[in-house]
């Protein structure tokens, strides 16, 4: 499976079957999954801990192989949360992109880092 070959719906179905086989749905309330998502994002962030304030991120080669695993954990938690909360993730992303396009028009923000209320 690759990004080009797989839909969000296919991933959600795969996770649904995985969770059902283990009877884990009983633990998958939105609150627990939001906390798990935060914890997994923290584990991903820890791989990039102690970078220099100025200059490029120092590479820690031994951490490179852990990045895909932690990204997968974040994605799994996110998809499980979307499932538990009844959110169509693709529709939510499309709606948010449309809102961001209105909030951050290219002609005002291109190449700038400020938030919409700072420019």
PDB file of N, CA and C in Angstrom:
ATOM      1  N   UNK A   1       0.838  -1.189   0.000  1.00  0.00           N
ATOM      2  CA  UNK A   1       0.000   0.000   0.000  1.00  0.00           C
ATOM      3  C   UNK A   1       0.883   1.252   0.000  1.00  0.00           C
ATOM      4  N   UNK A   2       0.518   2.214  -0.814  1.00  0.00           N
ATOM      5  CA  UNK A   2       1.204   3.497  -0.845  1.00  0.00           C
ATOM      6  C   UNK A   2       0.152   4.598  -0.795  1.00  0.00           C
ATOM      7  N   UNK A   3       0.599   5.835  -0.587  1.00  0.00           N
ATOM      8  CA  UNK A   3      -0.326   6.966  -0.584  1.00  0.00           C
ATOM      9  C   UNK A   3      -1.100   7.047  -1.896  1.00  0.00           C
ATOM     10  N   UNK A   4      -0.417   6.771  -2.994  1.00  0.00           N
ATOM     11  CA  UNK A   4      -1.058   6.879  -4.304  1.00  0.00           C
ATOM     12  C   UNK A   4      -2.095   5.777  -4.544  1.00  0.00           C
ATOM     13  N   UNK A   5      -1.955   4.656  -3.863  1.00  0.00           N
ATOM     14  CA  UNK A   5      -2.829   3.510  -4.092  1.00  0.00           C
ATOM     15  C   UNK A   5      -3.947   3.368  -3.056  1.00  0.00           C
ATOM     16  N   UNK A   6      -3.907   4.143  -1.978  1.00  0.00           N
ATOM     17  CA  UNK A   6      -4.775   3.896  -0.843  1.00  0.00           C
ATOM     18  C   UNK A   6      -5.626   5.115  -0.516  1.00  0.00           C
ATOM     19  N   UNK A   7      -6.895   4.874  -0.254  1.00  0.00           N
ATOM     20  CA  UNK A   7      -7.787   5.969   0.144  1.00  0.00           C
ATOM     21  C   UNK A   7      -7.898   6.019   1.672  1.00  0.00           C
ATOM     22  N   UNK A   8      -8.364   7.149   2.154  1.00  0.00           N
ATOM     23  CA  UNK A   8      -8.617   7.273   3.593  1.00  0.00           C
ATOM     24  C   UNK A   8      -9.667   6.246   4.012  1.00  0.00           C
ATOM     25  N   UNK A   9     -10.667   6.053   3.182  1.00  0.00           N
ATOM     26  CA  UNK A   9     -11.713   5.082   3.501  1.00  0.00           C
ATOM     27  C   UNK A   9     -11.135   3.674   3.655  1.00  0.00           C
ATOM     28  N   UNK A  10     -10.188   3.313   2.813  1.00  0.00           N
ATOM     29  CA  UNK A  10      -9.563   1.989   2.926  1.00  0.00           C
ATOM     30  C   UNK A  10      -8.776   1.860   4.231  1.00  0.00           C
ATOM     31  N   UNK A  11      -8.051   2.909   4.587  1.00  0.00           N
ATOM     32  CA  UNK A  11      -7.311   2.879   5.858  1.00  0.00           C
ATOM     33  C   UNK A  11      -8.271   2.781   7.039  1.00  0.00           C
ATOM     34  N   UNK A  12      -9.359   3.533   6.996  1.00  0.00           N
ATOM     35  CA  UNK A  12     -10.331   3.492   8.092  1.00  0.00           C
ATOM     36  C   UNK A  12     -10.951   2.099   8.207  1.00  0.00           C
ATOM     37  N   UNK A  13     -11.248   1.480   7.088  1.00  0.00           N
ATOM     38  CA  UNK A  13     -11.816   0.132   7.125  1.00  0.00           C
ATOM     39  C   UNK A  13     -10.814  -0.857   7.694  1.00  0.00           C
ATOM     40  N   UNK A  14      -9.579  -0.745   7.298  1.00  0.00           N
ATOM     41  CA  UNK A  14      -8.518  -1.630   7.830  1.00  0.00           C
ATOM     42  C   UNK A  14      -8.380  -1.458   9.341  1.00  0.00           C
ATOM     43  N   UNK A  15      -8.391  -0.214   9.812  1.00  0.00           N
ATOM     44  CA  UNK A  15      -8.315   0.046  11.255  1.00  0.00           C
ATOM     45  C   UNK A  15      -9.549  -0.448  11.987  1.00  0.00           C
ATOM     46  N   UNK A  16     -10.710  -0.264  11.374  1.00  0.00           N
ATOM     47  CA  UNK A  16     -11.968  -0.737  11.976  1.00  0.00           C
ATOM     48  C   UNK A  16     -11.895  -2.252  12.204  1.00  0.00           C
ATOM     49  N   UNK A  17     -11.450  -2.992  11.204  1.00  0.00           N
ATOM     50  CA  UNK A  17     -11.333  -4.448  11.329  1.00  0.00           C
ATOM     51  C   UNK A  17     -10.281  -4.825  12.371  1.00  0.00           C
ATOM     52  N   UNK A  18      -9.162  -4.138  12.357  1.00  0.00           N
ATOM     53  CA  UNK A  18      -8.092  -4.387  13.337  1.00  0.00           C
ATOM     54  C   UNK A  18      -8.614  -4.188  14.760  1.00  0.00           C
ATOM     55  N   UNK A  19      -9.302  -3.088  14.978  1.00  0.00           N
ATOM     56  CA  UNK A  19      -9.818  -2.779  16.318  1.00  0.00           C
ATOM     57  C   UNK A  19     -10.934  -3.734  16.741  1.00  0.00           C
ATOM     58  N   UNK A  20     -11.810  -4.081  15.812  1.00  0.00           N
ATOM     59  CA  UNK A  20     -12.899  -5.004  16.132  1.00  0.00           C
ATOM     60  C   UNK A  20     -12.364  -6.370  16.511  1.00  0.00           C
ATOM     61  N   UNK A  21     -11.350  -6.851  15.817  1.00  0.00           N
ATOM     62  CA  UNK A  21     -10.776  -8.164  16.123  1.00  0.00           C
ATOM     63  C   UNK A  21     -10.206  -8.213  17.535  1.00  0.00           C
ATOM     64  N   UNK A  22      -9.807  -7.074  18.073  1.00  0.00           N
ATOM     65  CA  UNK A  22      -9.192  -7.009  19.404  1.00  0.00           C
ATOM     66  C   UNK A  22     -10.139  -6.458  20.461  1.00  0.00           C
ATOM     67  N   UNK A  23     -11.365  -6.115  20.062  1.00  0.00           N
ATOM     68  CA  UNK A  23     -12.365  -5.528  20.954  1.00  0.00           C
ATOM     69  C   UNK A  23     -11.836  -4.254  21.626  1.00  0.00           C
ATOM     70  N   UNK A  24     -11.144  -3.442  20.847  1.00  0.00           N
ATOM     71  CA  UNK A  24     -10.585  -2.208  21.390  1.00  0.00           C
ATOM     72  C   UNK A  24     -11.528  -1.022  21.288  1.00  0.00           C
ATOM     73  N   UNK A  25     -12.628  -1.189  20.566  1.00  0.00           N
ATOM     74  CA  UNK A  25     -13.582  -0.093  20.432  1.00  0.00           C
ATOM     75  C   UNK A  25     -14.098   0.405  21.765  1.00  0.00           C
ATOM     76  N   UNK A  26     -14.136  -0.466  22.743  1.00  0.00           N
ATOM     77  CA  UNK A  26     -14.622  -0.062  24.074  1.00  0.00           C
ATOM     78  C   UNK A  26     -13.742   1.022  24.700  1.00  0.00           C
ATOM     79  N   UNK A  27     -12.527   1.154  24.233  1.00  0.00           N
ATOM     80  CA  UNK A  27     -11.605   2.162  24.766  1.00  0.00           C
ATOM     81  C   UNK A  27     -11.517   3.400  23.873  1.00  0.00           C
ATOM     82  N   UNK A  28     -12.167   3.355  22.731  1.00  0.00           N
ATOM     83  CA  UNK A  28     -11.987   4.393  21.724  1.00  0.00           C
ATOM     84  C   UNK A  28     -13.045   5.476  21.781  1.00  0.00           C
ATOM     85  N   UNK A  29     -13.165   6.130  22.921  1.00  0.00           N
ATOM     86  CA  UNK A  29     -14.011   7.315  22.980  1.00  0.00           C
ATOM     87  C   UNK A  29     -13.179   8.502  22.499  1.00  0.00           C
ATOM     88  N   UNK A  30     -13.820   9.552  22.010  1.00  0.00           N
ATOM     89  CA  UNK A  30     -13.060  10.689  21.496  1.00  0.00           C
ATOM     90  C   UNK A  30     -12.050  11.256  22.505  1.00  0.00           C
ATOM     91  N   UNK A  31     -12.406  11.331  23.760  1.00  0.00           N
ATOM     92  CA  UNK A  31     -11.478  11.877  24.765  1.00  0.00           C
ATOM     93  C   UNK A  31     -10.208  11.046  24.842  1.00  0.00           C
ATOM     94  N   UNK A  32     -10.343   9.729  24.952  1.00  0.00           N
ATOM     95  CA  UNK A  32      -9.156   8.868  25.037  1.00  0.00           C
ATOM     96  C   UNK A  32      -8.317   8.945  23.771  1.00  0.00           C
ATOM     97  N   UNK A  33      -8.971   8.981  22.630  1.00  0.00           N
ATOM     98  CA  UNK A  33      -8.235   9.028  21.373  1.00  0.00           C
ATOM     99  C   UNK A  33      -7.548  10.373  21.165  1.00  0.00           C
ATOM    100  N   UNK A  34      -8.175  11.461  21.613  1.00  0.00           N
ATOM    101  CA  UNK A  34      -7.519  12.768  21.529  1.00  0.00           C
ATOM    102  C   UNK A  34      -6.270  12.786  22.410  1.00  0.00           C
ATOM    103  N   UNK A  35      -6.356  12.187  23.585  1.00  0.00           N
ATOM    104  CA  UNK A  35      -5.173  12.110  24.447  1.00  0.00           C
ATOM    105  C   UNK A  35      -4.102  11.228  23.820  1.00  0.00           C
ATOM    106  N   UNK A  36      -4.505  10.107  23.242  1.00  0.00           N
ATOM    107  CA  UNK A  36      -3.540   9.220  22.583  1.00  0.00           C
ATOM    108  C   UNK A  36      -2.874   9.925  21.409  1.00  0.00           C
ATOM    109  N   UNK A  37      -3.644  10.702  20.645  1.00  0.00           N
ATOM    110  CA  UNK A  37      -3.095  11.452  19.524  1.00  0.00           C
ATOM    111  C   UNK A  37      -2.038  12.439  20.007  1.00  0.00           C
ATOM    112  N   UNK A  38      -2.337  13.127  21.088  1.00  0.00           N
ATOM    113  CA  UNK A  38      -1.375  14.070  21.657  1.00  0.00           C
ATOM    114  C   UNK A  38      -0.114  13.357  22.128  1.00  0.00           C
ATOM    115  N   UNK A  39      -0.273  12.215  22.766  1.00  0.00           N
ATOM    116  CA  UNK A  39       0.880  11.450  23.248  1.00  0.00           C
ATOM    117  C   UNK A  39       1.744  10.973  22.086  1.00  0.00           C
ATOM    118  N   UNK A  40       1.111  10.480  21.034  1.00  0.00           N
ATOM    119  CA  UNK A  40       1.869  10.001  19.870  1.00  0.00           C
ATOM    120  C   UNK A  40       2.555  11.159  19.156  1.00  0.00           C
ATOM    121  N   UNK A  41       1.887  12.300  19.070  1.00  0.00           N
ATOM    122  CA  UNK A  41       2.522  13.477  18.471  1.00  0.00           C
ATOM    123  C   UNK A  41       3.728  13.900  19.309  1.00  0.00           C
ATOM    124  N   UNK A  42       3.627  13.767  20.620  1.00  0.00           N
ATOM    125  CA  UNK A  42       4.755  14.065  21.492  1.00  0.00           C
ATOM    126  C   UNK A  42       5.926  13.127  21.250  1.00  0.00           C
ATOM    127  N   UNK A  43       5.642  11.859  21.004  1.00  0.00           N
ATOM    128  CA  UNK A  43       6.712  10.901  20.702  1.00  0.00           C
ATOM    129  C   UNK A  43       7.394  11.253  19.386  1.00  0.00           C
ATOM    130  N   UNK A  44       6.624  11.700  18.417  1.00  0.00           N
ATOM    131  CA  UNK A  44       7.200  12.149  17.153  1.00  0.00           C
ATOM    132  C   UNK A  44       8.056  13.390  17.382  1.00  0.00           C
ATOM    133  N   UNK A  45       7.540  14.332  18.123  1.00  0.00           N
ATOM    134  CA  UNK A  45       8.268  15.561  18.406  1.00  0.00           C
ATOM    135  C   UNK A  45       9.578  15.277  19.134  1.00  0.00           C
ATOM    136  N   UNK A  46       9.577  14.307  20.011  1.00  0.00           N
ATOM    137  CA  UNK A  46      10.790  13.975  20.765  1.00  0.00           C
ATOM    138  C   UNK A  46      11.937  13.555  19.850  1.00  0.00           C
ATOM    139  N   UNK A  47      11.608  13.025  18.683  1.00  0.00           N
ATOM    140  CA  UNK A  47      12.670  12.643  17.736  1.00  0.00           C
ATOM    141  C   UNK A  47      13.421  13.860  17.206  1.00  0.00           C
ATOM    142  N   UNK A  48      12.812  15.025  17.309  1.00  0.00           N
ATOM    143  CA  UNK A  48      13.427  16.259  16.817  1.00  0.00           C
ATOM    144  C   UNK A  48      13.844  17.189  17.957  1.00  0.00           C
ATOM    145  N   UNK A  49      13.832  16.678  19.171  1.00  0.00           N
ATOM    146  CA  UNK A  49      14.185  17.458  20.351  1.00  0.00           C
ATOM    147  C   UNK A  49      15.648  17.850  20.326  1.00  0.00           C
ATOM    148  N   UNK A  50      15.941  19.004  20.855  1.00  0.00           N
ATOM    149  CA  UNK A  50      17.285  19.550  21.028  1.00  0.00           C
ATOM    150  C   UNK A  50      17.895  20.050  19.731  1.00  0.00           C
ATOM    151  N   UNK A  51      17.068  20.614  18.890  1.00  0.00           N
ATOM    152  CA  UNK A  51      17.616  21.250  17.702  1.00  0.00           C
ATOM    153  C   UNK A  51      18.189  22.614  18.091  1.00  0.00           C
ATOM    154  N   UNK A  52      19.028  23.131  17.232  1.00  0.00           N
ATOM    155  CA  UNK A  52      19.603  24.445  17.466  1.00  0.00           C
ATOM    156  C   UNK A  52      18.559  25.518  17.160  1.00  0.00           C
ATOM    157  N   UNK A  53      18.583  26.609  17.937  1.00  0.00           N
ATOM    158  CA  UNK A  53      17.655  27.703  17.671  1.00  0.00           C
ATOM    159  C   UNK A  53      17.950  28.377  16.341  1.00  0.00           C
ATOM    160  N   UNK A  54      19.214  28.497  16.002  1.00  0.00           N
ATOM    161  CA  UNK A  54      19.628  29.086  14.736  1.00  0.00           C
ATOM    162  C   UNK A  54      20.298  27.984  13.912  1.00  0.00           C
ATOM    163  N   UNK A  55      20.021  27.972  12.654  1.00  0.00           N
ATOM    164  CA  UNK A  55      20.683  27.002  11.796  1.00  0.00           C
ATOM    165  C   UNK A  55      19.839  25.764  11.573  1.00  0.00           C
ATOM    166  N   UNK A  56      20.380  24.835  10.823  1.00  0.00           N
ATOM    167  CA  UNK A  56      19.620  23.638  10.459  1.00  0.00           C
ATOM    168  C   UNK A  56      19.431  22.680  11.641  1.00  0.00           C
ATOM    169  N   UNK A  57      18.378  21.919  11.555  1.00  0.00           N
ATOM    170  CA  UNK A  57      18.115  20.872  12.549  1.00  0.00           C
ATOM    171  C   UNK A  57      19.248  19.864  12.501  1.00  0.00           C
ATOM    172  N   UNK A  58      19.910  19.638  13.626  1.00  0.00           N
ATOM    173  CA  UNK A  58      20.960  18.614  13.590  1.00  0.00           C
ATOM    174  C   UNK A  58      20.337  17.233  13.385  1.00  0.00           C
ATOM    175  N   UNK A  59      20.896  16.473  12.507  1.00  0.00           N
ATOM    176  CA  UNK A  59      20.376  15.146  12.196  1.00  0.00           C
ATOM    177  C   UNK A  59      20.933  14.140  13.186  1.00  0.00           C
ATOM    178  N   UNK A  60      20.023  13.347  13.738  1.00  0.00           N
ATOM    179  CA  UNK A  60      20.423  12.233  14.594  1.00  0.00           C
ATOM    180  C   UNK A  60      20.046  10.981  13.821  1.00  0.00           C
ATOM    181  N   UNK A  61      21.010  10.399  13.155  1.00  0.00           N
ATOM    182  CA  UNK A  61      20.756   9.304  12.216  1.00  0.00           C
ATOM    183  C   UNK A  61      20.019   8.134  12.861  1.00  0.00           C
ATOM    184  N   UNK A  62      20.305   7.848  14.122  1.00  0.00           N
ATOM    185  CA  UNK A  62      19.662   6.705  14.775  1.00  0.00           C
ATOM    186  C   UNK A  62      18.158   6.912  14.953  1.00  0.00           C
ATOM    187  N   UNK A  63      17.697   8.150  14.833  1.00  0.00           N
ATOM    188  CA  UNK A  63      16.265   8.432  14.977  1.00  0.00           C
ATOM    189  C   UNK A  63      15.499   8.320  13.663  1.00  0.00           C
ATOM    190  N   UNK A  64      16.214   8.355  12.537  1.00  0.00           N
ATOM    191  CA  UNK A  64      15.560   8.384  11.235  1.00  0.00           C
ATOM    192  C   UNK A  64      14.581   7.229  11.037  1.00  0.00           C
ATOM    193  N   UNK A  65      14.965   6.032  11.437  1.00  0.00           N
ATOM    194  CA  UNK A  65      14.100   4.868  11.220  1.00  0.00           C
ATOM    195  C   UNK A  65      12.854   4.909  12.095  1.00  0.00           C
ATOM    196  N   UNK A  66      12.855   5.715  13.146  1.00  0.00           N
ATOM    197  CA  UNK A  66      11.701   5.810  14.047  1.00  0.00           C
ATOM    198  C   UNK A  66      10.644   6.784  13.544  1.00  0.00           C
ATOM    199  N   UNK A  67      11.023   7.702  12.665  1.00  0.00           N
ATOM    200  CA  UNK A  67      10.089   8.716  12.192  1.00  0.00           C
ATOM    201  C   UNK A  67       8.876   8.094  11.495  1.00  0.00           C
ATOM    202  N   UNK A  68       9.043   7.174  10.532  1.00  0.00           N
ATOM    203  CA  UNK A  68       7.853   6.580   9.902  1.00  0.00           C
ATOM    204  C   UNK A  68       6.940   5.865  10.897  1.00  0.00           C
ATOM    205  N   UNK A  69       7.527   5.193  11.892  1.00  0.00           N
ATOM    206  CA  UNK A  69       6.724   4.497  12.899  1.00  0.00           C
ATOM    207  C   UNK A  69       5.889   5.482  13.708  1.00  0.00           C
ATOM    208  N   UNK A  70       6.498   6.581  14.121  1.00  0.00           N
ATOM    209  CA  UNK A  70       5.772   7.565  14.927  1.00  0.00           C
ATOM    210  C   UNK A  70       4.738   8.301  14.091  1.00  0.00           C
ATOM    211  N   UNK A  71       5.067   8.597  12.840  1.00  0.00           N
ATOM    212  CA  UNK A  71       4.071   9.197  11.954  1.00  0.00           C
ATOM    213  C   UNK A  71       2.876   8.268  11.778  1.00  0.00           C
ATOM    214  N   UNK A  72       3.147   6.978  11.638  1.00  0.00           N
ATOM    215  CA  UNK A  72       2.060   6.002  11.508  1.00  0.00           C
ATOM    216  C   UNK A  72       1.203   5.975  12.767  1.00  0.00           C
ATOM    217  N   UNK A  73       1.834   6.027  13.936  1.00  0.00           N
ATOM    218  CA  UNK A  73       1.064   6.054  15.188  1.00  0.00           C
ATOM    219  C   UNK A  73       0.159   7.277  15.254  1.00  0.00           C
ATOM    220  N   UNK A  74       0.683   8.437  14.831  1.00  0.00           N
ATOM    221  CA  UNK A  74      -0.123   9.661  14.817  1.00  0.00           C
ATOM    222  C   UNK A  74      -1.298   9.497  13.856  1.00  0.00           C
ATOM    223  N   UNK A  75      -1.020   8.981  12.663  1.00  0.00           N
ATOM    224  CA  UNK A  75      -2.084   8.803  11.664  1.00  0.00           C
ATOM    225  C   UNK A  75      -3.139   7.819  12.146  1.00  0.00           C
ATOM    226  N   UNK A  76      -2.717   6.731  12.759  1.00  0.00           N
ATOM    227  CA  UNK A  76      -3.664   5.734  13.280  1.00  0.00           C
ATOM    228  C   UNK A  76      -4.558   6.350  14.343  1.00  0.00           C
ATOM    229  N   UNK A  77      -3.963   7.089  15.260  1.00  0.00           N
ATOM    230  CA  UNK A  77      -4.769   7.741  16.302  1.00  0.00           C
ATOM    231  C   UNK A  77      -5.734   8.754  15.691  1.00  0.00           C
ATOM    232  N   UNK A  78      -5.258   9.525  14.705  1.00  0.00           N
ATOM    233  CA  UNK A  78      -6.118  10.502  14.054  1.00  0.00           C
ATOM    234  C   UNK A  78      -7.293   9.830  13.353  1.00  0.00           C
ATOM    235  N   UNK A  79      -7.023   8.760  12.619  1.00  0.00           N
ATOM    236  CA  UNK A  79      -8.097   8.047  11.926  1.00  0.00           C
ATOM    237  C   UNK A  79      -9.065   7.401  12.913  1.00  0.00           C
ATOM    238  N   UNK A  80      -8.549   6.847  13.997  1.00  0.00           N
ATOM    239  CA  UNK A  80      -9.430   6.282  15.023  1.00  0.00           C
ATOM    240  C   UNK A  80     -10.290   7.365  15.671  1.00  0.00           C
ATOM    241  N   UNK A  81      -9.717   8.540  15.900  1.00  0.00           N
ATOM    242  CA  UNK A  81     -10.479   9.645  16.478  1.00  0.00           C
ATOM    243  C   UNK A  81     -11.564  10.114  15.519  1.00  0.00           C
ATOM    244  N   UNK A  82     -11.228  10.231  14.242  1.00  0.00           N
ATOM    245  CA  UNK A  82     -12.232  10.619  13.250  1.00  0.00           C
ATOM    246  C   UNK A  82     -13.375   9.610  13.232  1.00  0.00           C
ATOM    247  N   UNK A  83     -13.040   8.348  13.327  1.00  0.00           N
ATOM    248  CA  UNK A  83     -14.058   7.280  13.353  1.00  0.00           C
ATOM    249  C   UNK A  83     -14.961   7.432  14.571  1.00  0.00           C
ATOM    250  N   UNK A  84     -14.357   7.588  15.742  1.00  0.00           N
ATOM    251  CA  UNK A  84     -15.132   7.677  16.984  1.00  0.00           C
ATOM    252  C   UNK A  84     -15.979   8.939  17.046  1.00  0.00           C
ATOM    253  N   UNK A  85     -15.481  10.018  16.453  1.00  0.00           N
ATOM    254  CA  UNK A  85     -16.207  11.290  16.486  1.00  0.00           C
ATOM    255  C   UNK A  85     -17.176  11.440  15.318  1.00  0.00           C
ATOM    256  N   UNK A  86     -17.179  10.475  14.416  1.00  0.00           N
ATOM    257  CA  UNK A  86     -18.078  10.540  13.271  1.00  0.00           C
ATOM    258  C   UNK A  86     -17.716  11.637  12.284  1.00  0.00           C
ATOM    259  N   UNK A  87     -16.424  11.895  12.120  1.00  0.00           N
ATOM    260  CA  UNK A  87     -15.954  12.951  11.236  1.00  0.00           C
ATOM    261  C   UNK A  87     -15.450  12.350   9.927  1.00  0.00           C
ATOM    262  N   UNK A  88     -15.940  12.890   8.825  1.00  0.00           N
ATOM    263  CA  UNK A  88     -15.414  12.547   7.510  1.00  0.00           C
ATOM    264  C   UNK A  88     -14.148  13.369   7.349  1.00  0.00           C
ATOM    265  N   UNK A  89     -13.003  12.745   7.500  1.00  0.00           N
ATOM    266  CA  UNK A  89     -11.734  13.449   7.553  1.00  0.00           C
ATOM    267  C   UNK A  89     -11.421  14.180   6.250  1.00  0.00           C
ATOM    268  N   UNK A  90     -11.664  13.545   5.121  1.00  0.00           N
ATOM    269  CA  UNK A  90     -11.390  14.201   3.836  1.00  0.00           C
ATOM    270  C   UNK A  90     -12.263  15.444   3.679  1.00  0.00           C
ATOM    271  N   UNK A  91     -13.539  15.362   4.040  1.00  0.00           N
ATOM    272  CA  UNK A  91     -14.431  16.516   3.948  1.00  0.00           C
ATOM    273  C   UNK A  91     -13.994  17.616   4.911  1.00  0.00           C
ATOM    274  N   UNK A  92     -13.551  17.236   6.105  1.00  0.00           N
ATOM    275  CA  UNK A  92     -13.085  18.219   7.080  1.00  0.00           C
ATOM    276  C   UNK A  92     -11.834  18.935   6.585  1.00  0.00           C
ATOM    277  N   UNK A  93     -10.919  18.194   5.973  1.00  0.00           N
ATOM    278  CA  UNK A  93      -9.695  18.811   5.434  1.00  0.00           C
ATOM    279  C   UNK A  93     -10.048  19.760   4.293  1.00  0.00           C
ATOM    280  N   UNK A  94     -10.923  19.341   3.401  1.00  0.00           N
ATOM    281  CA  UNK A  94     -11.337  20.210   2.292  1.00  0.00           C
ATOM    282  C   UNK A  94     -11.986  21.486   2.809  1.00  0.00           C
ATOM    283  N   UNK A  95     -12.862  21.374   3.802  1.00  0.00           N
ATOM    284  CA  UNK A  95     -13.529  22.556   4.365  1.00  0.00           C
ATOM    285  C   UNK A  95     -12.515  23.480   5.037  1.00  0.00           C
ATOM    286  N   UNK A  96     -11.570  22.907   5.747  1.00  0.00           N
ATOM    287  CA  UNK A  96     -10.552  23.723   6.420  1.00  0.00           C
ATOM    288  C   UNK A  96      -9.640  24.401   5.410  1.00  0.00           C
ATOM    289  N   UNK A  97      -9.261  23.708   4.339  1.00  0.00           N
ATOM    290  CA  UNK A  97      -8.451  24.337   3.292  1.00  0.00           C
ATOM    291  C   UNK A  97      -9.194  25.511   2.656  1.00  0.00           C
ATOM    292  N   UNK A  98     -10.479  25.352   2.412  1.00  0.00           N
ATOM    293  CA  UNK A  98     -11.273  26.442   1.835  1.00  0.00           C
ATOM    294  C   UNK A  98     -11.309  27.632   2.793  1.00  0.00           C
ATOM    295  N   UNK A  99     -11.493  27.375   4.075  1.00  0.00           N
ATOM    296  CA  UNK A  99     -11.499  28.458   5.066  1.00  0.00           C
ATOM    297  C   UNK A  99     -10.137  29.130   5.135  1.00  0.00           C
ATOM    298  N   UNK A 100      -9.065  28.335   5.092  1.00  0.00           N
ATOM    299  CA  UNK A 100      -7.714  28.901   5.144  1.00  0.00           C
ATOM    300  C   UNK A 100      -7.389  29.719   3.890  1.00  0.00           C
ATOM    301  N   UNK A 101      -7.896  29.280   2.740  1.00  0.00           N
ATOM    302  CA  UNK A 101      -7.687  30.052   1.520  1.00  0.00           C
ATOM    303  C   UNK A 101      -8.318  31.433   1.636  1.00  0.00           C
ATOM    304  N   UNK A 102      -9.487  31.511   2.260  1.00  0.00           N
ATOM    305  CA  UNK A 102     -10.148  32.806   2.458  1.00  0.00           C
ATOM    306  C   UNK A 102      -9.421  33.638   3.515  1.00  0.00           C
ATOM    307  N   UNK A 103      -8.944  32.994   4.548  1.00  0.00           N
ATOM    308  CA  UNK A 103      -8.279  33.679   5.653  1.00  0.00           C
ATOM    309  C   UNK A 103      -6.875  34.139   5.284  1.00  0.00           C
ATOM    310  N   UNK A 104      -6.222  33.393   4.419  1.00  0.00           N
ATOM    311  CA  UNK A 104      -4.837  33.670   4.037  1.00  0.00           C
ATOM    312  C   UNK A 104      -4.715  33.830   2.516  1.00  0.00           C
ATOM    313  N   UNK A 105      -5.198  34.931   1.958  1.00  0.00           N
ATOM    314  CA  UNK A 105      -5.102  35.112   0.506  1.00  0.00           C
ATOM    315  C   UNK A 105      -3.644  35.231   0.060  1.00  0.00           C
ATOM    316  N   UNK A 106      -3.332  34.565  -1.024  1.00  0.00           N
ATOM    317  CA  UNK A 106      -1.960  34.499  -1.526  1.00  0.00           C
ATOM    318  C   UNK A 106      -1.352  35.886  -1.648  1.00  0.00           C
ATOM    319  N   UNK A 107      -2.109  36.823  -2.188  1.00  0.00           N
ATOM    320  CA  UNK A 107      -1.554  38.160  -2.440  1.00  0.00           C
ATOM    321  C   UNK A 107      -1.168  38.891  -1.147  1.00  0.00           C
ATOM    322  N   UNK A 108      -1.687  38.463   0.002  1.00  0.00           N
ATOM    323  CA  UNK A 108      -1.328  39.104   1.267  1.00  0.00           C
ATOM    324  C   UNK A 108      -0.279  38.332   2.059  1.00  0.00           C
ATOM    325  N   UNK A 109      -0.227  37.028   1.896  1.00  0.00           N
ATOM    326  CA  UNK A 109       0.594  36.227   2.813  1.00  0.00           C
ATOM    327  C   UNK A 109       1.763  35.498   2.178  1.00  0.00           C
ATOM    328  N   UNK A 110       1.875  35.522   0.874  1.00  0.00           N
ATOM    329  CA  UNK A 110       2.930  34.737   0.224  1.00  0.00           C
ATOM    330  C   UNK A 110       4.306  35.117   0.776  1.00  0.00           C
ATOM    331  N   UNK A 111       4.995  34.115   1.311  1.00  0.00           N
ATOM    332  CA  UNK A 111       6.325  34.315   1.857  1.00  0.00           C
ATOM    333  C   UNK A 111       6.350  34.938   3.240  1.00  0.00           C
ATOM    334  N   UNK A 112       5.191  35.114   3.867  1.00  0.00           N
ATOM    335  CA  UNK A 112       5.126  35.728   5.201  1.00  0.00           C
ATOM    336  C   UNK A 112       4.731  34.689   6.223  1.00  0.00           C
ATOM    337  N   UNK A 113       5.152  34.874   7.468  1.00  0.00           N
ATOM    338  CA  UNK A 113       4.876  33.912   8.525  1.00  0.00           C
ATOM    339  C   UNK A 113       3.786  34.367   9.487  1.00  0.00           C
ATOM    340  N   UNK A 114       3.343  35.601   9.400  1.00  0.00           N
ATOM    341  CA  UNK A 114       2.372  36.114  10.363  1.00  0.00           C
ATOM    342  C   UNK A 114       1.015  35.427  10.229  1.00  0.00           C
ATOM    343  N   UNK A 115       0.303  35.405  11.355  1.00  0.00           N
ATOM    344  CA  UNK A 115      -1.079  34.907  11.337  1.00  0.00           C
ATOM    345  C   UNK A 115      -1.972  35.949  10.675  1.00  0.00           C
ATOM    346  N   UNK A 116      -3.187  35.536  10.351  1.00  0.00           N
ATOM    347  CA  UNK A 116      -4.121  36.395   9.638  1.00  0.00           C
ATOM    348  C   UNK A 116      -4.413  37.699  10.373  1.00  0.00           C
ATOM    349  N   UNK A 117      -4.306  37.729  11.693  1.00  0.00           N
ATOM    350  CA  UNK A 117      -4.608  38.951  12.437  1.00  0.00           C
ATOM    351  C   UNK A 117      -3.359  39.791  12.723  1.00  0.00           C
ATOM    352  N   UNK A 118      -2.241  39.436  12.092  1.00  0.00           N
ATOM    353  CA  UNK A 118      -0.992  40.158  12.319  1.00  0.00           C
ATOM    354  C   UNK A 118      -0.460  40.877  11.078  1.00  0.00           C
ATOM    355  N   UNK A 119      -1.146  40.758   9.959  1.00  0.00           N
ATOM    356  CA  UNK A 119      -0.642  41.433   8.762  1.00  0.00           C
ATOM    357  C   UNK A 119      -1.599  42.511   8.317  1.00  0.00           C
TER     358      UNK A 119
END
